[in-house]
Structure formats: structure tokens, C-alpha cells
Amino acid sequence: MKRTLATNRPAWLQLYDARANQTQESRPVGRPPAPVPRYKVGLTLSQGETAELKVWQDRFSEMLGRKVSIGETVGILARICSTRLSRLAEHDFDDMMDFIEHLVEGG
């Protein structure tokens, strides 16, 4: 029986050679991408605003039975505000306080 050069080499060397000759699939390091792209942003909040977001985050977490991130919390609140704002689209506001009162009261 005739042996080839590959079979005369130790098994570990054959394995090393096989791995070295494989085409390596490039895969990004870390978590796979999320189904919905998310973007990291920076913002400056007052202590009161941060506390209010924490309250809402805790409420949403309790309601959903899982930890809700601060980003998810901001997203939920933004969508709530968008819905309320669409109801006020034809209203003219005198100033910021008038706008906020109408937005918060829903009227």
C-alpha cells in the first residue's frame, strides 16, 4: 500500500494544516446585529428629568415583567408624545407652558 506525504505526518500537524488552509468566514466580533437598528446618542438631562425617566423605566419594567432599558423607556414615551401631539396639530400655542399643558392634559 502506497502512503502519501500527508499520511506520514502526525495527526496534529495534519489538523493544523487543514485549519490553516480553510477559508475563514469573516464574522463581526460581539453580538449579532439587532433586528431593529438602534443608535447611541448623548443628551443632557436635569436631575429631575433623570429621576422622572427612572420612575417610568421602573413602571414599564414592572408592567412588562422584565428589565426595560432607558432607551426603550425614552422610545415609548416619545411615541406616546407623538400620538398626543398629532391630536393637537391644529392648535396654536402661546408659549412653551401653554404647549406643555395641552400636551400633558391631552386637551
Protein backbone atom coordinates (compact mmCIF):
# COMPACT_ATOMS: atom_id res chain seq x y z
CA MET A 1 0.00 0.00 0.00
CA LYS A 2 1.39 3.35 -1.05
CA ARG A 3 1.30 6.17 1.51
CA THR A 4 1.12 9.83 0.62
CA LEU A 5 3.15 12.50 2.34
CA ALA A 6 0.06 13.72 4.21
CA THR A 7 -0.44 10.40 5.97
CA ASN A 8 3.20 10.27 7.06
CA ARG A 9 2.78 13.43 9.07
CA PRO A 10 1.48 13.34 12.64
CA ALA A 11 -2.28 13.81 13.07
CA TRP A 12 -1.87 17.08 14.95
CA LEU A 13 0.15 18.51 12.08
CA GLN A 14 -2.46 17.37 9.54
CA LEU A 15 -5.17 19.03 11.63
CA TYR A 16 -3.15 22.23 11.88
CA ASP A 17 -2.57 22.20 8.14
CA ALA A 18 -6.28 21.60 7.44
CA ARG A 19 -7.28 24.51 9.67
CA ALA A 20 -4.73 26.82 8.11
CA ASN A 21 -5.99 26.01 4.61
CA GLN A 22 -9.66 26.58 5.43
CA THR A 23 -11.21 29.75 4.18
CA GLN A 24 -12.08 31.75 7.23
CA GLU A 25 -15.56 33.27 7.23
CA SER A 26 -15.35 36.81 8.45
CA ARG A 27 -17.83 37.46 11.20
CA PRO A 28 -18.02 40.65 13.22
CA VAL A 29 -16.96 40.38 16.81
CA GLY A 30 -19.62 40.75 19.50
CA ARG A 31 -23.36 40.45 19.44
CA PRO A 32 -25.14 39.86 16.16
CA PRO A 33 -26.98 42.91 14.87
CA ALA A 34 -30.41 43.58 16.33
CA PRO A 35 -33.43 43.20 14.06
CA VAL A 36 -34.20 46.88 14.63
CA PRO A 37 -31.11 49.11 14.35
CA ARG A 38 -30.50 51.26 17.42
CA TYR A 39 -28.25 54.29 17.73
CA LYS A 40 -26.33 55.53 20.72
CA VAL A 41 -26.96 59.20 21.44
CA GLY A 42 -25.82 61.58 24.12
CA LEU A 43 -28.07 64.03 25.89
CA THR A 44 -28.02 66.29 28.89
CA LEU A 45 -30.80 65.94 31.44
CA SER A 46 -31.53 67.67 34.71
CA GLN A 47 -31.65 65.66 37.90
CA GLY A 48 -35.47 65.92 37.87
CA GLU A 49 -35.70 64.68 34.28
CA THR A 50 -33.41 61.75 35.05
CA ALA A 51 -35.48 60.87 38.12
CA GLU A 52 -38.70 61.02 36.08
CA LEU A 53 -37.24 58.73 33.41
CA LYS A 54 -36.19 56.28 36.14
CA VAL A 55 -39.75 56.26 37.52
CA TRP A 56 -41.14 55.49 34.05
CA GLN A 57 -38.46 52.86 33.44
CA ASP A 58 -39.42 51.11 36.68
CA ARG A 59 -43.14 51.32 35.82
CA PHE A 60 -42.64 49.84 32.36
CA SER A 61 -40.35 47.13 33.77
CA GLU A 62 -42.96 46.13 36.34
CA MET A 63 -45.77 46.14 33.76
CA LEU A 64 -43.79 44.02 31.29
CA GLY A 65 -42.21 41.70 33.83
CA ARG A 66 -38.69 42.35 32.55
CA LYS A 67 -35.98 45.00 32.74
CA VAL A 68 -36.78 47.82 30.31
CA SER A 69 -33.75 49.84 29.20
CA ILE A 70 -33.63 53.61 29.47
CA GLY A 71 -33.52 53.73 25.65
CA GLU A 72 -36.70 51.69 25.41
CA THR A 73 -38.29 53.96 28.02
CA VAL A 74 -37.43 57.09 26.06
CA GLY A 75 -38.71 55.44 22.87
CA ILE A 76 -42.05 54.51 24.45
CA LEU A 77 -42.51 58.00 25.91
CA ALA A 78 -41.59 59.61 22.58
CA ARG A 79 -44.24 57.55 20.79
CA ILE A 80 -46.84 58.48 23.42
CA CYS A 81 -45.96 62.15 22.91
CA SER A 82 -46.15 61.79 19.12
CA THR A 83 -49.66 60.39 19.40
CA ARG A 84 -50.78 63.16 21.73
CA LEU A 85 -49.14 65.81 19.58
CA SER A 86 -50.96 64.58 16.48
CA ARG A 87 -54.22 65.34 18.32
CA LEU A 88 -53.04 68.93 18.88
CA ALA A 89 -51.79 69.53 15.33
CA GLU A 90 -54.24 72.32 14.53
CA HIS A 91 -53.93 74.15 17.85
CA ASP A 92 -51.92 77.38 18.16
CA PHE A 93 -49.84 77.74 21.30
CA ASP A 94 -48.92 80.98 23.01
CA ASP A 95 -45.70 79.71 24.58
CA MET A 96 -43.91 76.63 25.86
CA MET A 97 -46.03 76.39 29.02
CA ASP A 98 -49.26 76.51 27.00
CA PHE A 99 -47.92 73.79 24.72
CA ILE A 100 -46.84 71.53 27.62
CA GLU A 101 -50.15 71.99 29.46
CA HIS A 102 -52.11 70.93 26.37
CA LEU A 103 -49.78 68.03 25.67
CA VAL A 104 -49.85 66.73 29.25
CA GLU A 105 -53.56 67.25 29.78
CA GLY A 106 -54.35 65.75 26.40
CA GLY A 107 -56.77 68.52 25.53
